[in-house]
Protein backbone atom coordinates (compact mmCIF):
# COMPACT_ATOMS: atom_id res chain seq x y z
CA MET A 1 18.97 51.84 -13.73
CA GLY A 2 15.76 49.80 -13.63
CA PRO A 3 14.04 48.19 -10.64
CA ALA A 4 15.47 44.97 -9.21
CA ILE A 5 13.08 42.04 -9.24
CA ALA A 6 13.74 38.93 -7.19
CA ALA A 7 12.00 35.68 -8.01
CA PRO A 8 12.52 32.19 -6.66
CA PRO A 9 14.38 29.85 -8.98
CA PRO A 10 12.21 27.51 -11.01
CA ARG A 11 11.51 24.18 -9.33
CA ILE A 12 13.07 21.25 -11.06
CA VAL A 13 12.47 18.52 -8.50
CA GLU A 14 9.20 17.84 -6.73
CA SER A 15 9.12 18.10 -2.96
CA HIS A 16 9.13 15.02 -0.75
CA GLY A 17 5.45 15.60 0.07
CA GLU A 18 4.57 15.93 -3.61
CA ALA A 19 6.49 12.77 -4.45
CA MET A 20 4.77 10.81 -1.66
CA ALA A 21 1.34 12.09 -2.77
CA ARG A 22 2.08 11.13 -6.38
CA VAL A 23 3.28 7.64 -5.43
CA ASP A 24 0.26 7.20 -3.16
CA THR A 25 -2.14 8.17 -5.96
CA GLU A 26 -0.39 6.00 -8.56
CA THR A 27 -0.34 3.01 -6.21
CA ARG A 28 -4.01 3.35 -5.27
CA GLU A 29 -5.00 3.73 -8.94
CA ALA A 30 -2.99 0.60 -9.86
CA LEU A 31 -4.68 -1.38 -7.06
CA GLU A 32 -8.10 -0.15 -8.17
CA ALA A 33 -7.36 -1.19 -11.77
CA ILE A 34 -6.33 -4.69 -10.64
CA ALA A 35 -9.44 -5.05 -8.50
CA ARG A 36 -11.68 -3.79 -11.30
CA ASP A 37 -10.07 -5.93 -14.03
CA GLU A 38 -9.57 -9.14 -12.06
CA PHE A 39 -12.78 -9.05 -10.02
CA PRO A 40 -15.42 -7.15 -12.01
CA GLY A 41 -18.55 -6.42 -10.02
CA VAL A 42 -16.92 -7.12 -6.66
CA PRO A 43 -16.93 -4.01 -4.48
CA ALA A 44 -13.44 -3.19 -3.24
CA VAL A 45 -11.85 -0.29 -1.41
CA CYS A 46 -8.17 0.11 -2.18
CA SER A 47 -6.13 2.12 0.25
CA THR A 48 -2.49 2.91 0.88
CA ALA A 49 -0.74 3.82 4.11
CA TRP A 50 2.81 4.81 4.95
CA SER A 51 4.19 3.33 8.15
CA ARG A 52 7.14 1.45 9.58
CA GLN A 53 4.62 -0.60 11.59
CA VAL A 54 2.87 -2.30 8.66
CA PRO A 55 0.50 -4.65 10.54
CA GLU A 56 -0.65 -1.76 12.74
CA ALA A 57 -1.22 0.44 9.67
CA ILE A 58 -3.23 -2.32 7.96
CA ARG A 59 -5.45 -2.78 11.03
CA ALA A 60 -5.92 0.98 11.44
CA THR A 61 -6.79 1.47 7.78
CA ALA A 62 -9.26 -1.43 7.86
CA GLY A 63 -10.93 0.17 10.87
CA ALA A 64 -10.98 3.63 9.30
CA ILE A 65 -12.71 2.42 6.14
CA GLY A 66 -14.98 -0.07 7.92
CA ALA A 67 -13.58 -3.07 6.04
CA ASP A 68 -15.59 -6.29 6.24
CA LEU A 69 -12.57 -8.32 5.12
CA ILE A 70 -8.83 -7.77 4.81
CA VAL A 71 -7.28 -9.47 1.77
CA MET A 72 -3.51 -9.86 1.74
CA ALA A 73 -0.98 -11.53 -0.50
CA THR A 74 1.98 -13.37 0.98
CA HIS A 75 5.29 -14.31 -0.56
CA GLY A 76 5.15 -17.65 1.22
CA HIS A 77 8.49 -17.47 3.02
CA SER A 78 9.16 -20.45 5.24
CA GLY A 79 11.90 -21.78 7.46
CA ILE A 80 14.69 -19.46 8.51
CA SER A 81 13.71 -16.65 6.10
CA HIS A 82 10.28 -16.55 7.75
CA VAL A 83 11.83 -16.43 11.23
CA LEU A 84 14.28 -13.69 10.26
CA MET A 85 11.89 -11.59 8.21
CA GLY A 86 8.72 -12.17 10.22
CA SER A 87 5.33 -12.24 8.59
CA VAL A 88 3.11 -9.23 8.21
CA ALA A 89 0.20 -11.40 7.10
CA GLU A 90 0.64 -13.72 10.08
CA GLU A 91 0.60 -10.82 12.55
CA VAL A 92 -2.48 -9.27 10.92
CA VAL A 93 -4.28 -12.63 11.08
CA ARG A 94 -3.37 -13.03 14.77
CA THR A 95 -4.17 -9.48 15.87
CA SER A 96 -6.97 -8.24 13.64
CA GLY A 97 -10.53 -8.37 14.90
CA ARG A 98 -11.65 -8.72 11.28
CA PRO A 99 -11.60 -11.70 8.93
CA VAL A 100 -8.36 -11.89 6.92
CA LEU A 101 -8.02 -13.75 3.61
CA VAL A 102 -4.39 -14.56 2.81
CA VAL A 103 -3.51 -15.63 -0.74
CA ARG A 104 -0.18 -16.57 -2.25
CA ALA A 105 1.24 -13.82 -4.45
CA LEU A 106 1.39 -14.57 -8.15
CA PRO A 107 4.87 -15.07 -9.58
CA PRO A 108 6.24 -12.14 -11.58
CA LYS A 109 5.15 -12.11 -15.21
CA GLY A 110 7.55 -13.98 -17.46
CA SER A 111 8.85 -16.31 -14.76
């Protein structure tokens, strides 16, 4: 009888941490491509953050990278949908010690 060898089963699914790191990298690269293609020659730092407190994460990230300006897109909700959903951009404008440029998001392609 030969020796018994135990090995872990092959991994088929990436771990949660690996998935989050991959999504983070892909998102940052997509943002960098948009900034580079749409605004050539304009220096931009693209960053991602994971948080349930989005305005706080935006302010913290802006501080960490020394941002001169925060640029945000808004979906332009108004009326009751704005009241019910709140506004991340509005809170960042009100609470950030940095200038914030808010632009209306472009409609999805093909619409």
